[in-house]
Amino acid sequence: MSSKTAVSTDGRETVDTPKLPDRFVDESYKLFSQVSVDDPTPEDALRIRKKLVRWILPFLCVGYHLMYVDKQTLGSSAILGVMKDGHLNANEYNWLSSIFYLGYLVAEWPQNLALQRFPVAKWLAGNLIVWGAILLLHIPCNSFASLFVVRFFLGIAEACIVPAFLLILSMFFTYDEQAVLMPCMWAIGNSSPITSGLLSYGVLWIDTGSFAPWKWLMVITGILTVIFGVVVWVYLPDSPISAHFLTLEERAQAIIRISSNHSGIEQKRFKRYQFVEAIKDPKTWLFFLHALTQECANGLTNQYSLIIKSFGFSTLQTTLLGCINGLVNFFSLALAAYILAKTVNARAWISLAAYIPPIVSCIMLIALPWSARWGLLSAIWIRGTGGIPYSVVMIWAANCSAGHTKKTAVIALYHVGYGLGNIISPQLFQPQYAPRYIVTWSVILGVACILPMIIIVYLRWYLVKENNRRDELDRQGKVQEVGIVQHEDESGERSEEVVDSRQLDLTDRENLAFRYVL
C-alpha cells in the first residue's frame, strides 16, 4: 500500500490520501461498481433495517441458543448417567470440560482464517452440521478416553461459531445496533438452561433400558443442530452483497447505511500488515485479558447441576431448579439490551454494574452456612448477570477494530483468551475443595470479577484518550475521508479513482476518521 494518507500505523499522521491496488478494496466497492444509488432516506434505512432484523437476527438467536444447549449437554448429562456409563471420576469429568476448550483453542486461528477466506455463512453451516454429528458420536462412548476425543473435536467445530456470528453482525448492522442486538442474542442464548433443564427433566421419563437418558439428550440436541446447519446453508446470506431478500439497490443502500462504522464489510485477502498491527495494538491485549480473566468463572456451566444437587436437592428437582439460571440470564441480558438502546457509549458502565451480583454471589457462597441451601441456591442464580460483560465486551472488541484481517485477528485473539479461561476454569473445581469450594469461589471473586472490572476501567480511559487525540487532529484539518484506488487494465495502462475511505479496507489506525465506541 502506498501511503499518501491519514495513516497512524506507526503513530504518525499525514494529510495525504491512501493509494490501494483495486484487489485490496473492500467487497462493497465491487458492488458499487455495478450499481449507482443515492444515500438511503431515513425511511429507506428503517425499511432495510427491519428486513435485516427479520432475516438475520433469528438465525443468530437460534444459533446462540442451540450452541449453549449443546455446550451444556455434558453438564446436564452429569446427573443423567454419563458419570456411571463413562466410568468417570470427578477429575476426569473436569478434564472433559477443559479438553473441549483445548480443541477450541487449537482451531481458533485456522477457523478465523477460513472465515476470511470462504463464504462466512456457508462455513458456519458446515461447522454446525459437523457439531451436531459429533454430539451424536457421544452416544457410543463408554470410557474417559472416547469421551475425551469427541469433546476435543466438538471444541474444534465450535471455534468457528461465535466469530462467524460476530462477522455477520458487523456486516449487516451499525455499531450502535450491534451493541443492542448482541445482548438480545445473548439473552436468547443464555436462556438455554431453561431448554436444557426441561429436556433433562423430559428424558428422565424415557425408559429404554441400557439407552440412558443422557444419550437421548444427545440424540435430540444433535439432530436439531444438524437440521439448523442445513437451514443456515440454504437461507442465511454470506454478506449484504448476497442477501437474497434485498434488491440490488437495497444491498448497496444496506452497505451505505452502515458506513458510519468506517470499517467496510468484507475483504477476502489476508493482509499481513493488518495482522501485525492487531498484534501490536495494546487494546487487542486488553480485550484478550478481559476474556481470559472473566471466563475463569465459566467452569460453572458444567458444574451447576452437580453443585445444585449437592445442596440436597433430588435429580428431578435439580433439572427444574436449573431452569431459573436461564430466566435470570434472559431477563438480565434483555435489560442490558434495553439500557444500551436508550444510552450512548455506556458499554463500560453496564459491564461494570453487571459484575456486582457475581461479587455478591461469591461472598454468599463463601460466608453462608451449608444448612442455608436456599441462600446458597440464590447465590448461584444471581450469578446470571455475569453473561452481560461477556456479550457486551465481545462485540465492543470487534467494533473497536477496522480492517477485515485486523478485525478477524482481534476476534480470534479474544476467543483465544476465552478458550484459555475455559481450560483453566474447570480445574478450579477440584474434588478436595468440594462441597464448599471456598478456594474456588475466592479465586473466582478476585480473578473473574474484580480483575476484569479494572481492565474495563482502563480500557475505557485508553479509548477516550485516543478519540480526543483524533478529534484534535480533525480540528487541525489532518483527517481525510477519501482514498485513491489504482486500476490497471489488460494493456497495463494505469488509472486512479478517488473513493470514499469507507469503501477501502483500512484499519482503525489507518483511518483517522474512525472513532472508538465506548
Protein backbone atom coordinates (compact mmCIF):
# COMPACT_ATOMS: atom_id res chain seq x y z
CA MET A 1 0.00 0.00 0.00
CA SER A 2 1.48 3.34 -0.97
CA SER A 3 0.97 5.79 1.82
CA LYS A 4 -0.37 9.17 0.92
CA THR A 5 -2.85 9.05 3.74
CA ALA A 6 -4.05 9.95 7.18
CA VAL A 7 -2.39 6.78 8.45
CA SER A 8 -1.29 6.06 12.02
CA THR A 9 0.06 2.51 12.00
CA ASP A 10 3.37 3.85 13.24
CA GLY A 11 1.84 6.55 15.42
CA ARG A 12 2.38 9.36 12.87
CA GLU A 13 -0.28 11.12 10.83
CA THR A 14 -0.16 12.93 7.49
CA VAL A 15 -2.80 14.74 5.49
CA ASP A 16 -2.29 12.68 2.32
CA THR A 17 -4.60 10.15 0.73
CA PRO A 18 -4.21 6.34 0.71
CA LYS A 19 -3.45 4.61 -2.59
CA LEU A 20 -4.54 0.99 -2.88
CA PRO A 21 -4.49 -1.52 -5.75
CA ASP A 22 -8.08 -2.41 -6.62
CA ARG A 23 -7.57 -6.00 -5.45
CA PHE A 24 -7.32 -4.70 -1.89
CA VAL A 25 -10.55 -2.70 -1.76
CA ASP A 26 -13.49 -3.81 0.33
CA GLU A 27 -16.04 -6.14 -1.28
CA SER A 28 -18.60 -3.31 -1.11
CA TYR A 29 -16.59 -1.35 -3.71
CA LYS A 30 -17.24 -4.10 -6.26
CA LEU A 31 -20.98 -3.81 -5.71
CA PHE A 32 -20.93 -0.03 -6.17
CA SER A 33 -19.14 -0.52 -9.49
CA GLN A 34 -22.28 -2.38 -10.68
CA VAL A 35 -24.99 -0.11 -9.35
CA SER A 36 -25.30 3.60 -8.65
CA VAL A 37 -27.60 4.57 -5.79
CA ASP A 38 -28.25 7.59 -3.64
CA ASP A 39 -27.86 7.53 0.11
CA PRO A 40 -30.92 5.91 1.67
CA THR A 41 -33.53 8.24 3.11
CA PRO A 42 -34.39 7.72 6.80
CA GLU A 43 -37.47 5.82 5.64
CA ASP A 44 -35.40 3.62 3.31
CA ALA A 45 -32.82 2.96 6.03
CA LEU A 46 -35.55 1.97 8.50
CA ARG A 47 -37.20 -0.33 5.97
CA ILE A 48 -33.89 -2.04 5.16
CA ARG A 49 -33.02 -2.37 8.85
CA LYS A 50 -36.35 -4.07 9.54
CA LYS A 51 -35.68 -6.52 6.72
CA LEU A 52 -32.22 -7.27 8.10
CA VAL A 53 -33.52 -7.78 11.62
CA ARG A 54 -36.29 -10.04 10.32
CA TRP A 55 -33.95 -12.19 8.21
CA ILE A 56 -30.62 -12.17 10.07
CA LEU A 57 -31.42 -11.89 13.77
CA PRO A 58 -33.48 -15.12 14.06
CA PHE A 59 -30.56 -17.17 12.70
CA LEU A 60 -28.17 -15.63 15.21
CA CYS A 61 -30.55 -16.00 18.16
CA VAL A 62 -31.44 -19.63 17.38
CA GLY A 63 -27.76 -20.36 16.69
CA TYR A 64 -26.63 -18.94 20.03
CA HIS A 65 -29.37 -20.81 21.88
CA LEU A 66 -28.57 -24.14 20.24
CA MET A 67 -24.84 -23.61 20.78
CA TYR A 68 -25.35 -23.14 24.51
CA VAL A 69 -27.79 -26.02 24.83
CA ASP A 70 -25.23 -28.21 23.06
CA LYS A 71 -22.39 -27.00 25.28
CA GLN A 72 -24.46 -27.74 28.38
CA THR A 73 -25.17 -31.34 27.36
CA LEU A 74 -22.15 -32.50 29.37
CA GLY A 75 -23.29 -30.61 32.48
CA SER A 76 -26.83 -31.93 32.11
CA SER A 77 -25.54 -35.45 31.44
CA ALA A 78 -23.62 -35.39 34.72
CA ILE A 79 -26.86 -36.08 36.62
CA LEU A 80 -28.39 -38.19 33.83
CA GLY A 81 -25.96 -41.11 33.98
CA VAL A 82 -22.87 -40.20 31.94
CA MET A 83 -20.63 -40.41 35.03
CA LYS A 84 -21.66 -44.03 35.55
CA ASP A 85 -21.77 -45.09 31.88
CA GLY A 86 -18.46 -43.39 31.10
CA HIS A 87 -16.83 -44.71 34.29
CA LEU A 88 -15.75 -41.17 35.18
CA ASN A 89 -14.39 -39.76 38.41
CA ALA A 90 -14.57 -36.05 39.33
CA ASN A 91 -11.15 -35.15 37.90
CA GLU A 92 -11.87 -36.90 34.60
CA TYR A 93 -15.20 -35.07 34.37
CA ASN A 94 -13.40 -31.73 34.86
CA TRP A 95 -10.95 -32.64 32.11
CA LEU A 96 -13.81 -33.33 29.70
CA SER A 97 -14.76 -29.67 30.19
CA SER A 98 -11.18 -28.45 29.71
CA ILE A 99 -10.43 -30.59 26.64
CA PHE A 100 -13.40 -29.09 24.82
CA TYR A 101 -11.73 -25.68 25.09
CA LEU A 102 -8.32 -27.07 24.20
CA GLY A 103 -9.84 -28.16 20.88
CA TYR A 104 -11.44 -24.72 20.64
CA LEU A 105 -8.06 -23.07 21.24
CA VAL A 106 -6.21 -25.21 18.70
CA ALA A 107 -8.79 -24.45 16.00
CA GLU A 108 -9.31 -20.74 16.70
CA TRP A 109 -6.72 -19.38 14.26
CA PRO A 110 -7.47 -21.85 11.41
CA GLN A 111 -11.21 -21.29 11.81
CA ASN A 112 -10.86 -17.50 11.69
CA LEU A 113 -8.58 -17.67 8.67
CA ALA A 114 -11.18 -19.87 6.97
CA LEU A 115 -13.91 -17.35 7.82
CA GLN A 116 -11.91 -14.70 5.97
CA ARG A 117 -11.14 -16.94 3.01
CA PHE A 118 -14.52 -18.67 2.49
CA PRO A 119 -18.18 -17.51 2.46
CA VAL A 120 -18.99 -16.89 6.14
CA ALA A 121 -22.50 -18.40 6.29
CA LYS A 122 -21.53 -21.50 4.31
CA TRP A 123 -18.50 -22.18 6.51
CA LEU A 124 -20.67 -21.63 9.60
CA ALA A 125 -23.30 -24.05 8.30
CA GLY A 126 -20.70 -26.74 7.63
CA ASN A 127 -19.36 -26.46 11.17
CA LEU A 128 -22.86 -26.60 12.65
CA ILE A 129 -23.56 -29.84 10.78
CA VAL A 130 -20.24 -31.30 11.98
CA TRP A 131 -21.01 -30.09 15.54
CA GLY A 132 -24.37 -31.91 15.53
CA ALA A 133 -22.78 -35.08 14.15
CA ILE A 134 -20.13 -35.04 16.89
CA LEU A 135 -22.85 -34.71 19.55
CA LEU A 136 -24.36 -37.92 18.17
CA LEU A 137 -20.93 -39.58 18.43
CA HIS A 138 -21.10 -39.16 22.22
CA ILE A 139 -23.73 -41.92 22.34
CA PRO A 140 -21.47 -44.98 21.84
CA CYS A 141 -18.79 -43.60 24.19
CA ASN A 142 -18.31 -45.66 27.35
CA SER A 143 -14.94 -44.51 28.68
CA PHE A 144 -13.00 -41.38 29.57
CA ALA A 145 -10.73 -41.82 26.53
CA SER A 146 -13.57 -42.00 24.00
CA LEU A 147 -15.41 -39.04 25.55
CA PHE A 148 -12.10 -37.14 25.65
CA VAL A 149 -11.71 -37.50 21.88
CA VAL A 150 -15.24 -36.43 20.92
CA ARG A 151 -15.13 -33.46 23.32
CA PHE A 152 -11.86 -32.31 21.71
CA PHE A 153 -13.35 -32.44 18.22
CA LEU A 154 -16.52 -30.73 19.44
CA GLY A 155 -14.33 -27.81 20.55
CA ILE A 156 -12.73 -27.66 17.10
CA ALA A 157 -16.16 -27.32 15.46
CA GLU A 158 -17.34 -24.66 17.92
CA ALA A 159 -14.30 -22.43 17.37
CA CYS A 160 -15.97 -21.11 14.21
CA ILE A 161 -19.42 -20.34 15.55
CA VAL A 162 -19.14 -17.20 17.70
CA PRO A 163 -16.56 -15.48 15.42
CA ALA A 164 -18.86 -16.18 12.45
CA PHE A 165 -21.81 -14.63 14.29
CA LEU A 166 -19.72 -11.55 15.11
CA LEU A 167 -18.61 -11.11 11.50
CA ILE A 168 -22.19 -11.49 10.24
CA LEU A 169 -23.43 -8.96 12.78
CA SER A 170 -20.72 -6.47 11.79
CA MET A 171 -21.54 -6.78 8.07
CA PHE A 172 -25.24 -6.02 8.43
CA PHE A 173 -25.67 -3.60 11.34
CA THR A 174 -24.24 -0.33 12.69
CA TYR A 175 -22.11 -0.32 15.83
CA ASP A 176 -24.95 1.12 17.91
CA GLU A 177 -27.30 -1.56 16.61
CA GLN A 178 -24.73 -4.27 17.31
CA ALA A 179 -24.37 -3.08 20.91
CA VAL A 180 -28.12 -3.66 21.39
CA LEU A 181 -28.52 -6.80 19.28
CA MET A 182 -25.62 -8.67 20.86
CA PRO A 183 -27.18 -8.73 24.37
CA CYS A 184 -30.53 -9.64 22.75
CA MET A 185 -28.89 -12.60 21.06
CA TRP A 186 -27.04 -13.47 24.23
CA ALA A 187 -30.27 -13.27 26.22
CA ILE A 188 -31.77 -15.89 23.93
CA GLY A 189 -28.58 -17.93 24.04
CA ASN A 190 -28.08 -17.75 27.80
CA SER A 191 -31.68 -18.71 28.43
CA SER A 192 -30.55 -22.18 27.31
CA PRO A 193 -30.61 -23.59 30.89
CA ILE A 194 -34.41 -23.42 30.57
CA THR A 195 -34.30 -25.65 27.48
CA SER A 196 -31.58 -27.86 28.94
CA GLY A 197 -33.47 -28.21 32.23
CA LEU A 198 -36.76 -29.09 30.56
CA LEU A 199 -35.10 -31.53 28.16
CA SER A 200 -33.23 -33.15 31.05
CA TYR A 201 -36.46 -33.43 33.01
CA GLY A 202 -38.22 -34.93 29.99
CA VAL A 203 -35.60 -37.54 29.12
CA LEU A 204 -35.59 -38.76 32.73
CA TRP A 205 -39.05 -40.20 32.00
CA ILE A 206 -37.86 -42.16 28.95
CA ASP A 207 -37.25 -45.78 29.89
CA THR A 208 -35.33 -47.63 27.18
CA GLY A 209 -33.20 -49.92 29.28
CA SER A 210 -29.49 -49.54 28.59
CA PHE A 211 -30.07 -46.49 26.37
CA ALA A 212 -29.66 -44.00 29.23
CA PRO A 213 -31.41 -40.58 29.48
CA TRP A 214 -28.19 -38.68 28.71
CA LYS A 215 -27.97 -40.49 25.37
CA TRP A 216 -31.48 -39.32 24.46
CA LEU A 217 -30.35 -35.78 25.28
CA MET A 218 -27.50 -36.18 22.77
CA VAL A 219 -29.88 -37.57 20.14
CA ILE A 220 -32.29 -34.65 20.43
CA THR A 221 -29.68 -31.88 20.51
CA GLY A 222 -27.50 -33.47 17.82
CA ILE A 223 -30.35 -33.87 15.31
CA LEU A 224 -31.65 -30.33 15.96
CA THR A 225 -28.18 -28.89 15.34
CA VAL A 226 -27.71 -30.77 12.06
CA ILE A 227 -31.12 -29.57 10.83
CA PHE A 228 -30.29 -25.98 11.81
CA GLY A 229 -26.96 -26.21 9.96
CA VAL A 230 -28.76 -27.22 6.76
CA VAL A 231 -31.21 -24.30 7.13
CA VAL A 232 -28.28 -21.88 7.61
CA TRP A 233 -26.62 -23.20 4.45
CA VAL A 234 -29.75 -22.63 2.38
CA TYR A 235 -31.12 -19.34 3.74
CA LEU A 236 -28.50 -17.26 5.61
CA PRO A 237 -26.64 -14.84 3.27
CA ASP A 238 -22.85 -14.55 3.49
CA SER A 239 -22.92 -10.72 3.37
CA PRO A 240 -25.23 -7.87 2.25
CA ILE A 241 -23.91 -8.41 -1.28
CA SER A 242 -25.58 -11.84 -1.45
CA ALA A 243 -28.67 -11.01 0.63
CA HIS A 244 -31.39 -12.74 -1.42
CA PHE A 245 -34.18 -10.83 0.36
CA LEU A 246 -32.85 -7.44 -0.83
CA THR A 247 -32.87 -5.96 -4.33
CA LEU A 248 -29.53 -4.94 -5.87
CA GLU A 249 -30.22 -1.30 -4.96
CA GLU A 250 -31.21 -2.26 -1.40
CA ARG A 251 -27.97 -4.23 -0.99
CA ALA A 252 -25.98 -1.12 -1.90
CA GLN A 253 -28.10 1.01 0.43
CA ALA A 254 -27.67 -1.56 3.22
CA ILE A 255 -23.91 -1.04 2.93
CA ILE A 256 -24.26 2.76 2.82
CA ARG A 257 -26.49 2.52 5.90
CA ILE A 258 -23.62 1.11 8.00
CA SER A 259 -20.99 3.46 6.57
CA SER A 260 -20.70 5.16 9.98
CA ASN A 261 -18.79 2.04 11.10
CA HIS A 262 -15.83 3.15 8.92
CA SER A 263 -14.80 -0.48 8.54
CA GLY A 264 -16.20 -1.83 5.23
CA ILE A 265 -17.94 -5.18 5.22
CA GLU A 266 -15.55 -7.83 3.91
CA GLN A 267 -12.20 -8.46 2.22
CA LYS A 268 -11.16 -11.98 1.23
CA ARG A 269 -7.39 -11.33 1.06
CA PHE A 270 -5.24 -11.85 4.14
CA LYS A 271 -3.16 -8.73 4.84
CA ARG A 272 -0.07 -9.42 6.87
CA TYR A 273 0.43 -5.80 7.94
CA GLN A 274 -3.08 -5.71 9.41
CA PHE A 275 -2.38 -8.89 11.36
CA VAL A 276 0.86 -7.38 12.70
CA GLU A 277 -1.00 -4.20 13.63
CA ALA A 278 -3.56 -6.24 15.58
CA ILE A 279 -0.76 -7.97 17.50
CA LYS A 280 0.94 -4.66 18.32
CA ASP A 281 -2.25 -2.82 19.30
CA PRO A 282 -2.50 -2.50 23.14
CA LYS A 283 -6.29 -2.64 23.15
CA THR A 284 -6.19 -6.06 21.47
CA TRP A 285 -4.47 -7.43 24.56
CA LEU A 286 -6.77 -5.58 26.95
CA PHE A 287 -9.76 -7.30 25.34
CA PHE A 288 -7.83 -10.59 25.38
CA LEU A 289 -7.13 -10.24 29.12
CA HIS A 290 -10.77 -9.45 29.83
CA ALA A 291 -11.89 -12.63 28.06
CA LEU A 292 -9.22 -14.72 29.81
CA THR A 293 -9.99 -13.49 33.33
CA GLN A 294 -13.77 -13.39 33.05
CA GLU A 295 -14.00 -16.89 31.62
CA CYS A 296 -12.18 -18.31 34.63
CA ALA A 297 -15.69 -18.46 36.14
CA ASN A 298 -17.27 -20.26 33.20
CA GLY A 299 -16.46 -23.74 34.50
CA LEU A 300 -19.74 -23.34 36.34
CA THR A 301 -21.54 -24.17 33.09
CA ASN A 302 -20.77 -27.86 33.56
CA GLN A 303 -20.86 -27.70 37.37
CA TYR A 304 -24.26 -26.08 38.02
CA SER A 305 -26.21 -29.33 38.12
CA LEU A 306 -23.70 -31.04 40.40
CA ILE A 307 -23.48 -28.02 42.72
CA ILE A 308 -27.27 -27.57 42.99
CA LYS A 309 -27.71 -31.28 43.64
CA SER A 310 -25.02 -31.12 46.35
CA PHE A 311 -27.23 -28.65 48.26
CA GLY A 312 -29.56 -31.57 48.98
CA PHE A 313 -31.99 -31.50 46.04
CA SER A 314 -33.09 -34.58 44.09
CA THR A 315 -32.19 -35.16 40.44
CA LEU A 316 -35.68 -34.16 39.27
CA GLN A 317 -35.63 -31.04 41.44
CA THR A 318 -32.16 -30.13 40.16
CA THR A 319 -33.24 -30.29 36.49
CA LEU A 320 -36.09 -27.84 37.16
CA LEU A 321 -34.21 -25.54 39.57
CA GLY A 322 -31.51 -25.15 36.93
CA CYS A 323 -34.09 -23.50 34.68
CA ILE A 324 -34.01 -20.44 36.96
CA ASN A 325 -30.46 -19.76 35.78
CA GLY A 326 -31.83 -19.40 32.26
CA LEU A 327 -34.55 -16.99 33.40
CA VAL A 328 -32.04 -14.78 35.24
CA ASN A 329 -29.73 -14.81 32.22
CA PHE A 330 -32.54 -13.90 29.85
CA PHE A 331 -34.02 -11.02 31.83
CA SER A 332 -30.67 -9.51 32.87
CA LEU A 333 -29.36 -9.53 29.29
CA ALA A 334 -32.68 -8.20 27.96
CA LEU A 335 -32.41 -5.34 30.47
CA ALA A 336 -28.84 -4.66 29.33
CA ALA A 337 -30.02 -4.53 25.70
CA TYR A 338 -32.77 -2.07 26.64
CA ILE A 339 -30.34 0.20 28.50
CA LEU A 340 -27.88 0.10 25.60
CA ALA A 341 -30.69 1.06 23.22
CA LYS A 342 -31.53 4.10 25.36
CA THR A 343 -27.98 5.29 26.07
CA VAL A 344 -24.82 6.24 24.18
CA ASN A 345 -21.34 4.92 24.89
CA ALA A 346 -22.43 3.04 28.02
CA ARG A 347 -20.77 -0.32 27.29
CA ALA A 348 -18.17 0.01 30.04
CA TRP A 349 -20.61 1.22 32.71
CA ILE A 350 -23.14 -1.55 32.03
CA SER A 351 -20.39 -4.17 32.13
CA LEU A 352 -19.07 -2.85 35.44
CA ALA A 353 -22.54 -2.84 37.03
CA ALA A 354 -23.13 -6.42 35.85
CA TYR A 355 -20.15 -7.67 37.89
CA ILE A 356 -21.73 -6.59 41.20
CA PRO A 357 -24.16 -9.58 41.56
CA PRO A 358 -21.39 -12.15 40.86
CA ILE A 359 -19.25 -10.47 43.53
CA VAL A 360 -22.16 -10.71 45.99
CA SER A 361 -22.68 -14.32 44.89
CA CYS A 362 -19.08 -15.30 45.66
CA ILE A 363 -19.28 -13.68 49.10
CA MET A 364 -22.55 -15.51 49.88
CA LEU A 365 -21.16 -18.86 48.73
CA ILE A 366 -18.11 -18.38 50.96
CA ALA A 367 -19.91 -16.99 54.04
CA LEU A 368 -23.32 -18.72 54.26
CA PRO A 369 -23.63 -21.87 56.37
CA TRP A 370 -24.09 -25.14 54.46
CA SER A 371 -27.54 -25.55 56.03
CA ALA A 372 -28.82 -22.40 54.26
CA ARG A 373 -29.39 -24.26 51.00
CA TRP A 374 -31.91 -21.76 49.59
CA GLY A 375 -29.50 -18.91 50.27
CA LEU A 376 -26.72 -20.85 48.54
CA LEU A 377 -29.05 -21.61 45.65
CA SER A 378 -29.96 -17.92 45.36
CA ALA A 379 -26.25 -17.10 45.19
CA ILE A 380 -25.93 -19.47 42.21
CA TRP A 381 -28.93 -17.87 40.49
CA ILE A 382 -27.80 -14.23 40.78
CA ARG A 383 -24.55 -15.07 39.00
CA GLY A 384 -26.57 -14.88 35.77
CA THR A 385 -25.70 -11.20 35.26
CA GLY A 386 -22.11 -12.31 34.57
CA GLY A 387 -23.15 -13.03 30.99
CA ILE A 388 -23.64 -9.29 30.34
CA PRO A 389 -19.95 -8.24 30.31
CA TYR A 390 -19.03 -11.17 28.09
CA SER A 391 -21.60 -10.29 25.42
CA VAL A 392 -21.05 -6.52 25.63
CA VAL A 393 -17.23 -6.57 25.68
CA MET A 394 -17.00 -9.20 22.92
CA ILE A 395 -18.87 -7.04 20.41
CA TRP A 396 -17.06 -3.99 21.79
CA ALA A 397 -13.74 -5.61 20.82
CA ALA A 398 -15.00 -6.23 17.27
CA ASN A 399 -16.39 -2.68 17.00
CA CYS A 400 -13.06 -1.14 18.05
CA SER A 401 -11.20 -2.80 15.19
CA ALA A 402 -11.39 -1.95 11.48
CA GLY A 403 -9.78 -3.65 8.51
CA HIS A 404 -11.09 -7.13 7.79
CA THR A 405 -7.87 -9.01 8.56
CA LYS A 406 -7.31 -6.96 11.72
CA LYS A 407 -10.89 -7.42 12.91
CA THR A 408 -10.65 -11.17 12.28
CA ALA A 409 -7.36 -11.32 14.20
CA VAL A 410 -8.78 -9.37 17.15
CA ILE A 411 -11.85 -11.60 17.31
CA ALA A 412 -9.61 -14.67 17.12
CA LEU A 413 -7.36 -13.43 19.94
CA TYR A 414 -10.38 -12.56 22.06
CA HIS A 415 -11.55 -16.14 21.71
CA VAL A 416 -8.07 -17.50 22.40
CA GLY A 417 -8.40 -15.71 25.75
CA TYR A 418 -11.89 -17.15 26.07
CA GLY A 419 -10.56 -20.65 25.41
CA LEU A 420 -7.67 -20.33 27.86
CA GLY A 421 -10.01 -19.11 30.60
CA ASN A 422 -12.31 -22.05 29.99
CA ILE A 423 -9.46 -24.54 30.08
CA ILE A 424 -8.42 -23.17 33.49
CA SER A 425 -11.91 -22.78 34.92
CA PRO A 426 -12.99 -26.45 35.32
CA GLN A 427 -9.73 -27.19 37.13
CA LEU A 428 -10.76 -24.80 39.90
CA PHE A 429 -13.42 -27.31 40.96
CA GLN A 430 -11.04 -29.90 42.38
CA PRO A 431 -12.61 -32.73 44.46
CA GLN A 432 -10.63 -31.74 47.55
CA TYR A 433 -12.42 -28.36 47.60
CA ALA A 434 -15.90 -29.93 47.50
CA PRO A 435 -18.59 -29.37 48.58
CA ARG A 436 -17.99 -25.79 49.81
CA TYR A 437 -15.36 -24.83 47.20
CA ILE A 438 -14.13 -21.95 49.38
CA VAL A 439 -10.84 -21.73 47.47
CA THR A 440 -12.68 -21.85 44.15
CA TRP A 441 -15.11 -19.04 44.99
CA SER A 442 -12.24 -16.92 46.36
CA VAL A 443 -10.25 -17.29 43.14
CA ILE A 444 -13.33 -16.52 41.01
CA LEU A 445 -14.03 -13.42 43.13
CA GLY A 446 -10.57 -11.97 42.59
CA VAL A 447 -9.64 -13.19 39.11
CA ALA A 448 -13.02 -13.41 37.33
CA CYS A 449 -14.85 -10.46 38.92
CA ILE A 450 -12.56 -7.75 40.32
CA LEU A 451 -9.70 -8.02 37.78
CA PRO A 452 -11.98 -7.76 34.70
CA MET A 453 -13.55 -4.62 36.21
CA ILE A 454 -10.10 -3.00 36.47
CA ILE A 455 -9.38 -3.91 32.83
CA ILE A 456 -12.66 -2.35 31.65
CA VAL A 457 -11.99 0.93 33.51
CA TYR A 458 -8.51 1.20 31.98
CA LEU A 459 -9.78 0.25 28.52
CA ARG A 460 -12.40 2.99 28.53
CA TRP A 461 -9.85 5.58 29.67
CA TYR A 462 -7.47 4.48 26.90
CA LEU A 463 -10.14 4.74 24.15
CA VAL A 464 -11.44 8.13 25.37
CA LYS A 465 -7.90 9.47 25.25
CA GLU A 466 -7.41 8.21 21.67
CA ASN A 467 -10.76 9.66 20.50
CA ASN A 468 -9.83 13.05 21.95
CA ARG A 469 -6.49 12.95 20.10
CA ARG A 470 -8.26 12.22 16.82
CA ASP A 471 -10.79 15.00 17.42
CA GLU A 472 -7.89 17.42 17.81
CA LEU A 473 -6.31 16.20 14.56
CA ASP A 474 -9.66 16.66 12.83
CA ARG A 475 -9.88 20.25 14.07
CA GLN A 476 -6.41 20.82 12.59
CA GLY A 477 -7.58 19.52 9.20
CA LYS A 478 -5.34 16.45 9.29
CA VAL A 479 -8.10 13.88 8.73
CA GLN A 480 -9.37 12.94 5.27
CA GLU A 481 -12.22 10.59 4.42
CA VAL A 482 -11.27 9.66 0.85
CA GLY A 483 -8.78 7.28 -0.70
CA ILE A 484 -7.40 6.51 -4.15
CA VAL A 485 -7.96 3.17 -5.90
CA GLN A 486 -5.37 2.31 -8.53
CA HIS A 487 -6.63 0.34 -11.54
CA GLU A 488 -4.61 -1.45 -14.21
CA ASP A 489 -6.26 -2.68 -17.41
CA GLU A 490 -5.21 -5.60 -19.65
CA SER A 491 -2.84 -3.40 -21.65
CA GLY A 492 -1.01 -2.33 -18.49
CA GLU A 493 -2.37 1.21 -18.53
CA ARG A 494 -2.94 2.57 -15.03
CA SER A 495 -5.63 4.90 -13.75
CA GLU A 496 -6.69 6.25 -10.39
CA GLU A 497 -10.09 6.84 -8.82
CA VAL A 498 -10.94 8.82 -5.70
CA VAL A 499 -13.37 6.88 -3.47
CA ASP A 500 -14.86 7.17 -0.01
CA SER A 501 -12.40 5.69 2.50
CA ARG A 502 -15.26 3.62 3.90
CA GLN A 503 -15.09 1.55 0.71
CA LEU A 504 -11.44 0.76 1.41
CA ASP A 505 -10.20 -1.96 3.70
CA LEU A 506 -8.42 0.35 6.15
CA THR A 507 -7.68 -0.37 9.78
CA ASP A 508 -8.82 1.82 12.66
CA ARG A 509 -5.26 3.14 12.95
CA GLU A 510 -5.04 3.97 9.24
CA ASN A 511 -8.41 5.69 9.11
CA LEU A 512 -8.28 8.65 11.49
CA ALA A 513 -11.98 9.36 10.85
CA PHE A 514 -12.68 6.18 12.82
CA ARG A 515 -13.92 6.76 16.38
CA TYR A 516 -13.85 4.12 19.09
CA VAL A 517 -17.19 3.28 20.67
CA LEU A 518 -17.30 3.34 24.44
